[in-house]
Amino acid sequence: MLYSREHILNSISDVHKDARGFRPQCSYDHLSDEDLNSYFESLLDEIDIAIAQEKADSSAALAEWEIKIYALVAKFHIDFKTAVRWDMEHQEDKYSSCNVGYYLWENGINEIDAYKIEQKLAN
């Protein structure tokens, strides 16, 4: 898709930050409209790749965390809530004064999965 030069120049800083974590500090005056559009599209592709990687990382983190928690459940014949509490207490220095959401975030669990886990713990 071709975007107007003005639209791209207004958007490229934000897209660049999303894709690479920082805002560019350069001029794009030397690029043709076609080159600028290509660069913009490549940044959008980078964002798609980053989102897919974040999803994969989050899924892997959730699976690893669940294995750890359910191993505690099985080994010590405890319930899910107790296993989570024990895991938090085991890492006392790091999580002694934090909430469950922070603990889950530190374990790489995304907000949606963390919400589900927090709901399970509340019941």
PDB file of N, CA and C in Angstrom:
ATOM      1  N   MET A   1       0.842  -1.165   0.000  1.00  0.00           N
ATOM      2  CA  MET A   1       0.000   0.000   0.000  1.00  0.00           C
ATOM      3  C   MET A   1       0.894   1.236   0.000  1.00  0.00           C
ATOM      4  N   LEU A   2       0.553   2.220  -0.790  1.00  0.00           N
ATOM      5  CA  LEU A   2       1.309   3.459  -0.829  1.00  0.00           C
ATOM      6  C   LEU A   2       0.655   4.489   0.077  1.00  0.00           C
ATOM      7  N   TYR A   3       1.458   5.092   0.905  1.00  0.00           N
ATOM      8  CA  TYR A   3       1.001   6.145   1.799  1.00  0.00           C
ATOM      9  C   TYR A   3       1.578   7.460   1.310  1.00  0.00           C
ATOM     10  N   SER A   4       0.927   8.573   1.652  1.00  0.00           N
ATOM     11  CA  SER A   4       1.480   9.875   1.279  1.00  0.00           C
ATOM     12  C   SER A   4       2.767  10.102   2.063  1.00  0.00           C
ATOM     13  N   ARG A   5       3.670  10.853   1.487  1.00  0.00           N
ATOM     14  CA  ARG A   5       4.941  11.145   2.143  1.00  0.00           C
ATOM     15  C   ARG A   5       4.699  11.803   3.503  1.00  0.00           C
ATOM     16  N   GLU A   6       3.781  12.721   3.555  1.00  0.00           N
ATOM     17  CA  GLU A   6       3.483  13.413   4.803  1.00  0.00           C
ATOM     18  C   GLU A   6       2.981  12.428   5.868  1.00  0.00           C
ATOM     19  N   HIS A   7       2.111  11.522   5.468  1.00  0.00           N
ATOM     20  CA  HIS A   7       1.593  10.517   6.414  1.00  0.00           C
ATOM     21  C   HIS A   7       2.728   9.639   6.932  1.00  0.00           C
ATOM     22  N   ILE A   8       3.575   9.212   6.039  1.00  0.00           N
ATOM     23  CA  ILE A   8       4.683   8.336   6.451  1.00  0.00           C
ATOM     24  C   ILE A   8       5.630   9.072   7.386  1.00  0.00           C
ATOM     25  N   LEU A   9       5.989  10.280   7.028  1.00  0.00           N
ATOM     26  CA  LEU A   9       6.918  11.035   7.871  1.00  0.00           C
ATOM     27  C   LEU A   9       6.314  11.320   9.241  1.00  0.00           C
ATOM     28  N   ASN A  10       5.006  11.499   9.302  1.00  0.00           N
ATOM     29  CA  ASN A  10       4.348  11.719  10.595  1.00  0.00           C
ATOM     30  C   ASN A  10       4.252  10.435  11.409  1.00  0.00           C
ATOM     31  N   SER A  11       4.231   9.293  10.749  1.00  0.00           N
ATOM     32  CA  SER A  11       4.026   8.007  11.437  1.00  0.00           C
ATOM     33  C   SER A  11       5.304   7.229  11.685  1.00  0.00           C
ATOM     34  N   ILE A  12       6.332   7.481  10.910  1.00  0.00           N
ATOM     35  CA  ILE A  12       7.508   6.615  10.928  1.00  0.00           C
ATOM     36  C   ILE A  12       8.221   6.611  12.280  1.00  0.00           C
ATOM     37  N   SER A  13       8.222   7.719  12.983  1.00  0.00           N
ATOM     38  CA  SER A  13       8.876   7.762  14.287  1.00  0.00           C
ATOM     39  C   SER A  13       8.207   6.800  15.265  1.00  0.00           C
ATOM     40  N   ASP A  14       6.873   6.821  15.299  1.00  0.00           N
ATOM     41  CA  ASP A  14       6.148   5.923  16.205  1.00  0.00           C
ATOM     42  C   ASP A  14       6.321   4.462  15.809  1.00  0.00           C
ATOM     43  N   VAL A  15       6.223   4.196  14.528  1.00  0.00           N
ATOM     44  CA  VAL A  15       6.356   2.820  14.043  1.00  0.00           C
ATOM     45  C   VAL A  15       7.768   2.310  14.296  1.00  0.00           C
ATOM     46  N   HIS A  16       8.754   3.170  14.076  1.00  0.00           N
ATOM     47  CA  HIS A  16      10.149   2.796  14.326  1.00  0.00           C
ATOM     48  C   HIS A  16      10.344   2.461  15.802  1.00  0.00           C
ATOM     49  N   LYS A  17       9.755   3.262  16.698  1.00  0.00           N
ATOM     50  CA  LYS A  17       9.880   2.998  18.136  1.00  0.00           C
ATOM     51  C   LYS A  17       9.228   1.665  18.500  1.00  0.00           C
ATOM     52  N   ASP A  18       8.054   1.398  17.928  1.00  0.00           N
ATOM     53  CA  ASP A  18       7.390   0.119  18.195  1.00  0.00           C
ATOM     54  C   ASP A  18       8.219  -1.054  17.687  1.00  0.00           C
ATOM     55  N   ALA A  19       8.817  -0.888  16.523  1.00  0.00           N
ATOM     56  CA  ALA A  19       9.562  -1.988  15.905  1.00  0.00           C
ATOM     57  C   ALA A  19      10.925  -2.205  16.548  1.00  0.00           C
ATOM     58  N   ARG A  20      11.600  -1.105  16.901  1.00  0.00           N
ATOM     59  CA  ARG A  20      12.990  -1.226  17.338  1.00  0.00           C
ATOM     60  C   ARG A  20      13.275  -0.706  18.736  1.00  0.00           C
ATOM     61  N   GLY A  21      12.273  -0.132  19.371  1.00  0.00           N
ATOM     62  CA  GLY A  21      12.442   0.304  20.743  1.00  0.00           C
ATOM     63  C   GLY A  21      12.989   1.697  20.930  1.00  0.00           C
ATOM     64  N   PHE A  22      13.239   2.427  19.874  1.00  0.00           N
ATOM     65  CA  PHE A  22      13.730   3.803  19.988  1.00  0.00           C
ATOM     66  C   PHE A  22      13.283   4.608  18.771  1.00  0.00           C
ATOM     67  N   ARG A  23      13.266   5.914  18.951  1.00  0.00           N
ATOM     68  CA  ARG A  23      12.885   6.795  17.845  1.00  0.00           C
ATOM     69  C   ARG A  23      14.110   7.114  17.005  1.00  0.00           C
ATOM     70  N   PRO A  24      13.951   7.137  15.693  1.00  0.00           N
ATOM     71  CA  PRO A  24      15.096   7.435  14.821  1.00  0.00           C
ATOM     72  C   PRO A  24      15.501   8.895  14.955  1.00  0.00           C
ATOM     73  N   GLN A  25      16.773   9.135  14.823  1.00  0.00           N
ATOM     74  CA  GLN A  25      17.309  10.496  14.892  1.00  0.00           C
ATOM     75  C   GLN A  25      17.973  10.850  13.557  1.00  0.00           C
ATOM     76  N   CYS A  26      17.227  10.741  12.480  1.00  0.00           N
ATOM     77  CA  CYS A  26      17.802  11.011  11.176  1.00  0.00           C
ATOM     78  C   CYS A  26      16.777  11.671  10.268  1.00  0.00           C
ATOM     79  N   SER A  27      17.258  12.137   9.139  1.00  0.00           N
ATOM     80  CA  SER A  27      16.397  12.762   8.139  1.00  0.00           C
ATOM     81  C   SER A  27      16.126  11.747   7.033  1.00  0.00           C
ATOM     82  N   TYR A  28      14.933  11.823   6.500  1.00  0.00           N
ATOM     83  CA  TYR A  28      14.565  10.928   5.409  1.00  0.00           C
ATOM     84  C   TYR A  28      14.443  11.681   4.091  1.00  0.00           C
ATOM     85  N   ASP A  29      14.964  12.887   4.057  1.00  0.00           N
ATOM     86  CA  ASP A  29      14.861  13.723   2.857  1.00  0.00           C
ATOM     87  C   ASP A  29      15.514  13.082   1.640  1.00  0.00           C
ATOM     88  N   HIS A  30      16.547  12.300   1.859  1.00  0.00           N
ATOM     89  CA  HIS A  30      17.283  11.681   0.750  1.00  0.00           C
ATOM     90  C   HIS A  30      16.536  10.498   0.124  1.00  0.00           C
ATOM     91  N   LEU A  31      15.481  10.010   0.777  1.00  0.00           N
ATOM     92  CA  LEU A  31      14.742   8.856   0.259  1.00  0.00           C
ATOM     93  C   LEU A  31      13.633   9.299  -0.689  1.00  0.00           C
ATOM     94  N   SER A  32      13.468   8.549  -1.750  1.00  0.00           N
ATOM     95  CA  SER A  32      12.352   8.801  -2.656  1.00  0.00           C
ATOM     96  C   SER A  32      11.054   8.365  -1.971  1.00  0.00           C
ATOM     97  N   ASP A  33       9.931   8.779  -2.515  1.00  0.00           N
ATOM     98  CA  ASP A  33       8.642   8.356  -1.948  1.00  0.00           C
ATOM     99  C   ASP A  33       8.526   6.838  -1.942  1.00  0.00           C
ATOM    100  N   GLU A  34       8.976   6.213  -3.013  1.00  0.00           N
ATOM    101  CA  GLU A  34       8.918   4.754  -3.103  1.00  0.00           C
ATOM    102  C   GLU A  34       9.796   4.103  -2.043  1.00  0.00           C
ATOM    103  N   ASP A  35      11.016   4.622  -1.862  1.00  0.00           N
ATOM    104  CA  ASP A  35      11.917   4.081  -0.839  1.00  0.00           C
ATOM    105  C   ASP A  35      11.361   4.294   0.562  1.00  0.00           C
ATOM    106  N   LEU A  36      10.752   5.448   0.772  1.00  0.00           N
ATOM    107  CA  LEU A  36      10.163   5.746   2.072  1.00  0.00           C
ATOM    108  C   LEU A  36       9.002   4.803   2.365  1.00  0.00           C
ATOM    109  N   ASN A  37       8.179   4.550   1.366  1.00  0.00           N
ATOM    110  CA  ASN A  37       7.074   3.593   1.524  1.00  0.00           C
ATOM    111  C   ASN A  37       7.602   2.195   1.812  1.00  0.00           C
ATOM    112  N   SER A  38       8.645   1.807   1.119  1.00  0.00           N
ATOM    113  CA  SER A  38       9.239   0.483   1.350  1.00  0.00           C
ATOM    114  C   SER A  38       9.791   0.373   2.773  1.00  0.00           C
ATOM    115  N   TYR A  39      10.453   1.413   3.234  1.00  0.00           N
ATOM    116  CA  TYR A  39      11.001   1.427   4.586  1.00  0.00           C
ATOM    117  C   TYR A  39       9.873   1.338   5.614  1.00  0.00           C
ATOM    118  N   PHE A  40       8.829   2.110   5.401  1.00  0.00           N
ATOM    119  CA  PHE A  40       7.673   2.103   6.290  1.00  0.00           C
ATOM    120  C   PHE A  40       7.053   0.707   6.344  1.00  0.00           C
ATOM    121  N   GLU A  41       6.860   0.090   5.197  1.00  0.00           N
ATOM    122  CA  GLU A  41       6.300  -1.272   5.143  1.00  0.00           C
ATOM    123  C   GLU A  41       7.212  -2.262   5.859  1.00  0.00           C
ATOM    124  N   SER A  42       8.526  -2.092   5.716  1.00  0.00           N
ATOM    125  CA  SER A  42       9.453  -3.021   6.383  1.00  0.00           C
ATOM    126  C   SER A  42       9.366  -2.875   7.898  1.00  0.00           C
ATOM    127  N   LEU A  43       9.146  -1.645   8.377  1.00  0.00           N
ATOM    128  CA  LEU A  43       8.967  -1.451   9.818  1.00  0.00           C
ATOM    129  C   LEU A  43       7.683  -2.115  10.304  1.00  0.00           C
ATOM    130  N   LEU A  44       6.630  -2.019   9.511  1.00  0.00           N
ATOM    131  CA  LEU A  44       5.374  -2.696   9.872  1.00  0.00           C
ATOM    132  C   LEU A  44       5.570  -4.207   9.926  1.00  0.00           C
ATOM    133  N   ASP A  45       6.354  -4.740   8.988  1.00  0.00           N
ATOM    134  CA  ASP A  45       6.665  -6.177   9.008  1.00  0.00           C
ATOM    135  C   ASP A  45       7.444  -6.550  10.267  1.00  0.00           C
ATOM    136  N   GLU A  46       8.385  -5.683  10.673  1.00  0.00           N
ATOM    137  CA  GLU A  46       9.153  -5.943  11.894  1.00  0.00           C
ATOM    138  C   GLU A  46       8.239  -5.997  13.113  1.00  0.00           C
ATOM    139  N   ILE A  47       7.240  -5.124  13.142  1.00  0.00           N
ATOM    140  CA  ILE A  47       6.291  -5.132  14.255  1.00  0.00           C
ATOM    141  C   ILE A  47       5.520  -6.441  14.277  1.00  0.00           C
ATOM    142  N   ASP A  48       5.075  -6.904  13.117  1.00  0.00           N
ATOM    143  CA  ASP A  48       4.357  -8.185  13.052  1.00  0.00           C
ATOM    144  C   ASP A  48       5.222  -9.326  13.575  1.00  0.00           C
ATOM    145  N   ILE A  49       6.485  -9.315  13.193  1.00  0.00           N
ATOM    146  CA  ILE A  49       7.414 -10.355  13.655  1.00  0.00           C
ATOM    147  C   ILE A  49       7.599 -10.261  15.171  1.00  0.00           C
ATOM    148  N   ALA A  50       7.746  -9.039  15.680  1.00  0.00           N
ATOM    149  CA  ALA A  50       7.931  -8.845  17.124  1.00  0.00           C
ATOM    150  C   ALA A  50       6.703  -9.311  17.902  1.00  0.00           C
ATOM    151  N   ILE A  51       5.515  -9.021  17.380  1.00  0.00           N
ATOM    152  CA  ILE A  51       4.286  -9.459  18.047  1.00  0.00           C
ATOM    153  C   ILE A  51       4.211 -10.982  18.084  1.00  0.00           C
ATOM    154  N   ALA A  52       4.526 -11.609  16.961  1.00  0.00           N
ATOM    155  CA  ALA A  52       4.508 -13.076  16.908  1.00  0.00           C
ATOM    156  C   ALA A  52       5.520 -13.663  17.896  1.00  0.00           C
ATOM    157  N   GLN A  53       6.699 -13.045  18.005  1.00  0.00           N
ATOM    158  CA  GLN A  53       7.720 -13.530  18.932  1.00  0.00           C
ATOM    159  C   GLN A  53       7.265 -13.353  20.373  1.00  0.00           C
ATOM    160  N   GLU A  54       6.636 -12.209  20.669  1.00  0.00           N
ATOM    161  CA  GLU A  54       6.128 -11.984  22.023  1.00  0.00           C
ATOM    162  C   GLU A  54       5.082 -13.028  22.401  1.00  0.00           C
ATOM    163  N   LYS A  55       4.212 -13.363  21.458  1.00  0.00           N
ATOM    164  CA  LYS A  55       3.195 -14.393  21.720  1.00  0.00           C
ATOM    165  C   LYS A  55       3.848 -15.741  21.994  1.00  0.00           C
ATOM    166  N   ALA A  56       4.845 -16.077  21.181  1.00  0.00           N
ATOM    167  CA  ALA A  56       5.540 -17.354  21.371  1.00  0.00           C
ATOM    168  C   ALA A  56       6.267 -17.379  22.717  1.00  0.00           C
ATOM    169  N   ASP A  57       6.945 -16.277  23.042  1.00  0.00           N
ATOM    170  CA  ASP A  57       7.662 -16.203  24.317  1.00  0.00           C
ATOM    171  C   ASP A  57       6.694 -16.309  25.493  1.00  0.00           C
ATOM    172  N   SER A  58       5.564 -15.631  25.373  1.00  0.00           N
ATOM    173  CA  SER A  58       4.569 -15.659  26.443  1.00  0.00           C
ATOM    174  C   SER A  58       3.984 -17.054  26.613  1.00  0.00           C
ATOM    175  N   SER A  59       3.700 -17.719  25.511  1.00  0.00           N
ATOM    176  CA  SER A  59       3.173 -19.086  25.586  1.00  0.00           C
ATOM    177  C   SER A  59       4.182 -20.025  26.237  1.00  0.00           C
ATOM    178  N   ALA A  60       5.434 -19.869  25.875  1.00  0.00           N
ATOM    179  CA  ALA A  60       6.482 -20.708  26.453  1.00  0.00           C
ATOM    180  C   ALA A  60       6.634 -20.425  27.950  1.00  0.00           C
ATOM    181  N   ALA A  61       6.578 -19.147  28.323  1.00  0.00           N
ATOM    182  CA  ALA A  61       6.703 -18.781  29.742  1.00  0.00           C
ATOM    183  C   ALA A  61       5.542 -19.343  30.543  1.00  0.00           C
ATOM    184  N   LEU A  62       4.329 -19.261  29.993  1.00  0.00           N
ATOM    185  CA  LEU A  62       3.163 -19.802  30.693  1.00  0.00           C
ATOM    186  C   LEU A  62       3.302 -21.315  30.873  1.00  0.00           C
ATOM    187  N   ALA A  63       3.708 -21.995  29.824  1.00  0.00           N
ATOM    188  CA  ALA A  63       3.866 -23.451  29.905  1.00  0.00           C
ATOM    189  C   ALA A  63       4.917 -23.833  30.942  1.00  0.00           C
ATOM    190  N   GLU A  64       6.030 -23.127  30.957  1.00  0.00           N
ATOM    191  CA  GLU A  64       7.099 -23.403  31.923  1.00  0.00           C
ATOM    192  C   GLU A  64       6.616 -23.154  33.352  1.00  0.00           C
ATOM    193  N   TRP A  65       5.907 -22.053  33.547  1.00  0.00           N
ATOM    194  CA  TRP A  65       5.387 -21.722  34.870  1.00  0.00           C
ATOM    195  C   TRP A  65       4.375 -22.765  35.328  1.00  0.00           C
ATOM    196  N   GLU A  66       3.459 -23.163  34.433  1.00  0.00           N
ATOM    197  CA  GLU A  66       2.447 -24.164  34.789  1.00  0.00           C
ATOM    198  C   GLU A  66       3.088 -25.499  35.154  1.00  0.00           C
ATOM    199  N   ILE A  67       4.117 -25.894  34.430  1.00  0.00           N
ATOM    200  CA  ILE A  67       4.827 -27.136  34.757  1.00  0.00           C
ATOM    201  C   ILE A  67       5.390 -27.055  36.170  1.00  0.00           C
ATOM    202  N   LYS A  68       5.990 -25.913  36.497  1.00  0.00           N
ATOM    203  CA  LYS A  68       6.570 -25.730  37.831  1.00  0.00           C
ATOM    204  C   LYS A  68       5.484 -25.788  38.912  1.00  0.00           C
ATOM    205  N   ILE A  69       4.379 -25.092  38.688  1.00  0.00           N
ATOM    206  CA  ILE A  69       3.310 -25.043  39.689  1.00  0.00           C
ATOM    207  C   ILE A  69       2.650 -26.413  39.856  1.00  0.00           C
ATOM    208  N   TYR A  70       2.324 -27.053  38.747  1.00  0.00           N
ATOM    209  CA  TYR A  70       1.651 -28.361  38.860  1.00  0.00           C
ATOM    210  C   TYR A  70       2.599 -29.454  39.346  1.00  0.00           C
ATOM    211  N   ALA A  71       3.898 -29.267  39.189  1.00  0.00           N
ATOM    212  CA  ALA A  71       4.852 -30.198  39.795  1.00  0.00           C
ATOM    213  C   ALA A  71       4.792 -30.084  41.321  1.00  0.00           C
ATOM    214  N   LEU A  72       4.656 -28.842  41.811  1.00  0.00           N
ATOM    215  CA  LEU A  72       4.489 -28.651  43.260  1.00  0.00           C
ATOM    216  C   LEU A  72       3.192 -29.287  43.744  1.00  0.00           C
ATOM    217  N   VAL A  73       2.122 -29.090  42.984  1.00  0.00           N
ATOM    218  CA  VAL A  73       0.824 -29.670  43.338  1.00  0.00           C
ATOM    219  C   VAL A  73       0.950 -31.191  43.472  1.00  0.00           C
ATOM    220  N   ALA A  74       1.556 -31.812  42.469  1.00  0.00           N
ATOM    221  CA  ALA A  74       1.670 -33.271  42.452  1.00  0.00           C
ATOM    222  C   ALA A  74       2.627 -33.788  43.534  1.00  0.00           C
ATOM    223  N   LYS A  75       3.754 -33.136  43.675  1.00  0.00           N
ATOM    224  CA  LYS A  75       4.772 -33.621  44.615  1.00  0.00           C
ATOM    225  C   LYS A  75       4.337 -33.506  46.065  1.00  0.00           C
ATOM    226  N   PHE A  76       3.657 -32.404  46.399  1.00  0.00           N
ATOM    227  CA  PHE A  76       3.316 -32.163  47.804  1.00  0.00           C
ATOM    228  C   PHE A  76       1.827 -32.322  48.108  1.00  0.00           C
ATOM    229  N   HIS A  77       1.061 -32.752  47.122  1.00  0.00           N
ATOM    230  CA  HIS A  77      -0.382 -32.964  47.297  1.00  0.00           C
ATOM    231  C   HIS A  77      -1.071 -31.717  47.862  1.00  0.00           C
ATOM    232  N   ILE A  78      -0.790 -30.589  47.215  1.00  0.00           N
ATOM    233  CA  ILE A  78      -1.369 -29.311  47.626  1.00  0.00           C
ATOM    234  C   ILE A  78      -2.252 -28.778  46.503  1.00  0.00           C
ATOM    235  N   ASP A  79      -3.035 -27.770  46.816  1.00  0.00           N
ATOM    236  CA  ASP A  79      -3.877 -27.180  45.776  1.00  0.00           C
ATOM    237  C   ASP A  79      -3.095 -26.113  44.991  1.00  0.00           C
ATOM    238  N   PHE A  80      -3.710 -25.653  43.939  1.00  0.00           N
ATOM    239  CA  PHE A  80      -3.092 -24.676  43.034  1.00  0.00           C
ATOM    240  C   PHE A  80      -2.716 -23.388  43.772  1.00  0.00           C
ATOM    241  N   LYS A  81      -3.631 -22.875  44.580  1.00  0.00           N
ATOM    242  CA  LYS A  81      -3.369 -21.624  45.309  1.00  0.00           C
ATOM    243  C   LYS A  81      -2.151 -21.758  46.215  1.00  0.00           C
ATOM    244  N   THR A  82      -2.077 -22.865  46.895  1.00  0.00           N
ATOM    245  CA  THR A  82      -0.945 -23.086  47.805  1.00  0.00           C
ATOM    246  C   THR A  82       0.358 -23.191  47.024  1.00  0.00           C
ATOM    247  N   ALA A  83       0.314 -23.860  45.895  1.00  0.00           N
ATOM    248  CA  ALA A  83       1.520 -23.998  45.074  1.00  0.00           C
ATOM    249  C   ALA A  83       2.016 -22.631  44.599  1.00  0.00           C
ATOM    250  N   VAL A  84       1.105 -21.771  44.176  1.00  0.00           N
ATOM    251  CA  VAL A  84       1.506 -20.427  43.749  1.00  0.00           C
ATOM    252  C   VAL A  84       2.088 -19.658  44.932  1.00  0.00           C
ATOM    253  N   ARG A  85       1.427 -19.729  46.076  1.00  0.00           N
ATOM    254  CA  ARG A  85       1.932 -19.037  47.268  1.00  0.00           C
ATOM    255  C   ARG A  85       3.317 -19.541  47.639  1.00  0.00           C
ATOM    256  N   TRP A  86       3.500 -20.837  47.623  1.00  0.00           N
ATOM    257  CA  TRP A  86       4.809 -21.413  47.938  1.00  0.00           C
ATOM    258  C   TRP A  86       5.872 -20.932  46.958  1.00  0.00           C
ATOM    259  N   ASP A  87       5.508 -20.887  45.675  1.00  0.00           N
ATOM    260  CA  ASP A  87       6.487 -20.437  44.685  1.00  0.00           C
ATOM    261  C   ASP A  87       6.861 -18.981  44.932  1.00  0.00           C
ATOM    262  N   MET A  88       5.872 -18.169  45.271  1.00  0.00           N
ATOM    263  CA  MET A  88       6.173 -16.775  45.588  1.00  0.00           C
ATOM    264  C   MET A  88       7.042 -16.677  46.845  1.00  0.00           C
ATOM    265  N   GLU A  89       6.732 -17.476  47.857  1.00  0.00           N
ATOM    266  CA  GLU A  89       7.515 -17.460  49.090  1.00  0.00           C
ATOM    267  C   GLU A  89       8.922 -17.995  48.871  1.00  0.00           C
ATOM    268  N   HIS A  90       9.045 -18.966  47.982  1.00  0.00           N
ATOM    269  CA  HIS A  90      10.363 -19.521  47.672  1.00  0.00           C
ATOM    270  C   HIS A  90      11.284 -18.450  47.096  1.00  0.00           C
ATOM    271  N   GLN A  91      10.701 -17.512  46.408  1.00  0.00           N
ATOM    272  CA  GLN A  91      11.455 -16.408  45.824  1.00  0.00           C
ATOM    273  C   GLN A  91      11.242 -15.157  46.678  1.00  0.00           C
ATOM    274  N   GLU A  92      11.308 -15.352  47.989  1.00  0.00           N
ATOM    275  CA  GLU A  92      10.918 -14.350  48.985  1.00  0.00           C
ATOM    276  C   GLU A  92      11.526 -12.976  48.751  1.00  0.00           C
ATOM    277  N   ASP A  93      12.800 -12.912  48.517  1.00  0.00           N
ATOM    278  CA  ASP A  93      13.435 -11.603  48.349  1.00  0.00           C
ATOM    279  C   ASP A  93      12.834 -10.830  47.187  1.00  0.00           C
ATOM    280  N   LYS A  94      12.475 -11.557  46.166  1.00  0.00           N
ATOM    281  CA  LYS A  94      11.990 -10.902  44.955  1.00  0.00           C
ATOM    282  C   LYS A  94      10.515 -10.551  45.033  1.00  0.00           C
ATOM    283  N   TYR A  95       9.702 -11.388  45.651  1.00  0.00           N
ATOM    284  CA  TYR A  95       8.259 -11.209  45.612  1.00  0.00           C
ATOM    285  C   TYR A  95       7.595 -11.037  46.970  1.00  0.00           C
ATOM    286  N   SER A  96       8.348 -10.875  48.022  1.00  0.00           N
ATOM    287  CA  SER A  96       7.750 -10.870  49.347  1.00  0.00           C
ATOM    288  C   SER A  96       6.724  -9.754  49.542  1.00  0.00           C
ATOM    289  N   SER A  97       6.908  -8.640  48.888  1.00  0.00           N
ATOM    290  CA  SER A  97       5.974  -7.529  49.092  1.00  0.00           C
ATOM    291  C   SER A  97       5.240  -7.153  47.806  1.00  0.00           C
ATOM    292  N   CYS A  98       5.107  -8.083  46.880  1.00  0.00           N
ATOM    293  CA  CYS A  98       4.452  -7.737  45.622  1.00  0.00           C
ATOM    294  C   CYS A  98       3.117  -8.436  45.487  1.00  0.00           C
ATOM    295  N   ASN A  99       2.371  -8.018  44.488  1.00  0.00           N
ATOM    296  CA  ASN A  99       1.101  -8.677  44.228  1.00  0.00           C
ATOM    297  C   ASN A  99       1.297  -9.812  43.227  1.00  0.00           C
ATOM    298  N   VAL A 100       0.287 -10.607  43.073  1.00  0.00           N
ATOM    299  CA  VAL A 100       0.367 -11.769  42.186  1.00  0.00           C
ATOM    300  C   VAL A 100       0.594 -11.339  40.742  1.00  0.00           C
ATOM    301  N   GLY A 101      -0.050 -10.243  40.328  1.00  0.00           N
ATOM    302  CA  GLY A 101       0.115  -9.767  38.953  1.00  0.00           C
ATOM    303  C   GLY A 101       1.561  -9.475  38.620  1.00  0.00           C
ATOM    304  N   TYR A 102       2.272  -8.845  39.543  1.00  0.00           N
ATOM    305  CA  TYR A 102       3.683  -8.559  39.318  1.00  0.00           C
ATOM    306  C   TYR A 102       4.501  -9.841  39.271  1.00  0.00           C
ATOM    307  N   TYR A 103       4.211 -10.737  40.167  1.00  0.00           N
ATOM    308  CA  TYR A 103       4.897 -12.039  40.189  1.00  0.00           C
ATOM    309  C   TYR A 103       4.714 -12.759  38.852  1.00  0.00           C
ATOM    310  N   LEU A 104       3.482 -12.763  38.335  1.00  0.00           N
ATOM    311  CA  LEU A 104       3.221 -13.425  37.055  1.00  0.00           C
ATOM    312  C   LEU A 104       3.932 -12.708  35.920  1.00  0.00           C
ATOM    313  N   TRP A 105       3.900 -11.386  35.943  1.00  0.00           N
ATOM    314  CA  TRP A 105       4.593 -10.605  34.910  1.00  0.00           C
ATOM    315  C   TRP A 105       6.090 -10.913  34.919  1.00  0.00           C
ATOM    316  N   GLU A 106       6.667 -10.981  36.105  1.00  0.00           N
ATOM    317  CA  GLU A 106       8.092 -11.309  36.229  1.00  0.00           C
ATOM    318  C   GLU A 106       8.396 -12.713  35.706  1.00  0.00           C
ATOM    319  N   ASN A 107       7.401 -13.571  35.711  1.00  0.00           N
ATOM    320  CA  ASN A 107       7.570 -14.921  35.180  1.00  0.00           C
ATOM    321  C   ASN A 107       7.267 -14.982  33.683  1.00  0.00           C
ATOM    322  N   GLY A 108       7.059 -13.828  33.050  1.00  0.00           N
ATOM    323  CA  GLY A 108       6.864 -13.766  31.606  1.00  0.00           C
ATOM    324  C   GLY A 108       5.452 -14.028  31.133  1.00  0.00           C
ATOM    325  N   ILE A 109       4.497 -14.001  32.044  1.00  0.00           N
ATOM    326  CA  ILE A 109       3.113 -14.319  31.691  1.00  0.00           C
ATOM    327  C   ILE A 109       2.394 -13.041  31.272  1.00  0.00           C
ATOM    328  N   ASN A 110       1.735 -13.093  30.118  1.00  0.00           N
ATOM    329  CA  ASN A 110       1.074 -11.894  29.597  1.00  0.00           C
ATOM    330  C   ASN A 110      -0.146 -11.516  30.431  1.00  0.00           C
ATOM    331  N   GLU A 111      -0.653 -10.314  30.187  1.00  0.00           N
ATOM    332  CA  GLU A 111      -1.745  -9.773  31.006  1.00  0.00           C
ATOM    333  C   GLU A 111      -3.021 -10.607  30.923  1.00  0.00           C
ATOM    334  N   ILE A 112      -3.334 -11.129  29.759  1.00  0.00           N
ATOM    335  CA  ILE A 112      -4.559 -11.916  29.595  1.00  0.00           C
ATOM    336  C   ILE A 112      -4.471 -13.202  30.406  1.00  0.00           C
ATOM    337  N   ASP A 113      -3.360 -13.919  30.262  1.00  0.00           N
ATOM    338  CA  ASP A 113      -3.193 -15.153  31.031  1.00  0.00           C
ATOM    339  C   ASP A 113      -3.077 -14.862  32.527  1.00  0.00           C
ATOM    340  N   ALA A 114      -2.412 -13.768  32.874  1.00  0.00           N
ATOM    341  CA  ALA A 114      -2.295 -13.403  34.282  1.00  0.00           C
ATOM    342  C   ALA A 114      -3.666 -13.131  34.881  1.00  0.00           C
ATOM    343  N   TYR A 115      -4.521 -12.456  34.132  1.00  0.00           N
ATOM    344  CA  TYR A 115      -5.881 -12.188  34.620  1.00  0.00           C
ATOM    345  C   TYR A 115      -6.624 -13.497  34.893  1.00  0.00           C
ATOM    346  N   LYS A 116      -6.505 -14.455  33.977  1.00  0.00           N
ATOM    347  CA  LYS A 116      -7.167 -15.756  34.150  1.00  0.00           C
ATOM    348  C   LYS A 116      -6.635 -16.473  35.395  1.00  0.00           C
ATOM    349  N   ILE A 117      -5.336 -16.411  35.582  1.00  0.00           N
ATOM    350  CA  ILE A 117      -4.733 -17.063  36.746  1.00  0.00           C
ATOM    351  C   ILE A 117      -5.191 -16.379  38.031  1.00  0.00           C
ATOM    352  N   GLU A 118      -5.215 -15.046  38.015  1.00  0.00           N
ATOM    353  CA  GLU A 118      -5.666 -14.315  39.198  1.00  0.00           C
ATOM    354  C   GLU A 118      -7.125 -14.638  39.524  1.00  0.00           C
ATOM    355  N   GLN A 119      -7.947 -14.813  38.502  1.00  0.00           N
ATOM    356  CA  GLN A 119      -9.342 -15.194  38.727  1.00  0.00           C
ATOM    357  C   GLN A 119      -9.410 -16.590  39.347  1.00  0.00           C
ATOM    358  N   LYS A 120      -8.583 -17.492  38.864  1.00  0.00           N
ATOM    359  CA  LYS A 120      -8.550 -18.853  39.414  1.00  0.00           C
ATOM    360  C   LYS A 120      -8.117 -18.830  40.874  1.00  0.00           C
ATOM    361  N   LEU A 121      -7.154 -17.965  41.187  1.00  0.00           N
ATOM    362  CA  LEU A 121      -6.687 -17.866  42.560  1.00  0.00           C
ATOM    363  C   LEU A 121      -7.726 -17.229  43.478  1.00  0.00           C
ATOM    364  N   ALA A 122      -8.574 -16.378  42.923  1.00  0.00           N
ATOM    365  CA  ALA A 122      -9.597 -15.696  43.715  1.00  0.00           C
ATOM    366  C   ALA A 122     -10.766 -16.596  44.067  1.00  0.00           C
ATOM    367  N   ASN A 123     -10.964 -17.659  43.308  1.00  0.00           N
ATOM    368  CA  ASN A 123     -12.104 -18.576  43.544  1.00  0.00           C
ATOM    369  C   ASN A 123     -11.783 -19.622  44.579  1.00  0.00           C
TER     370      ASN A 123
END
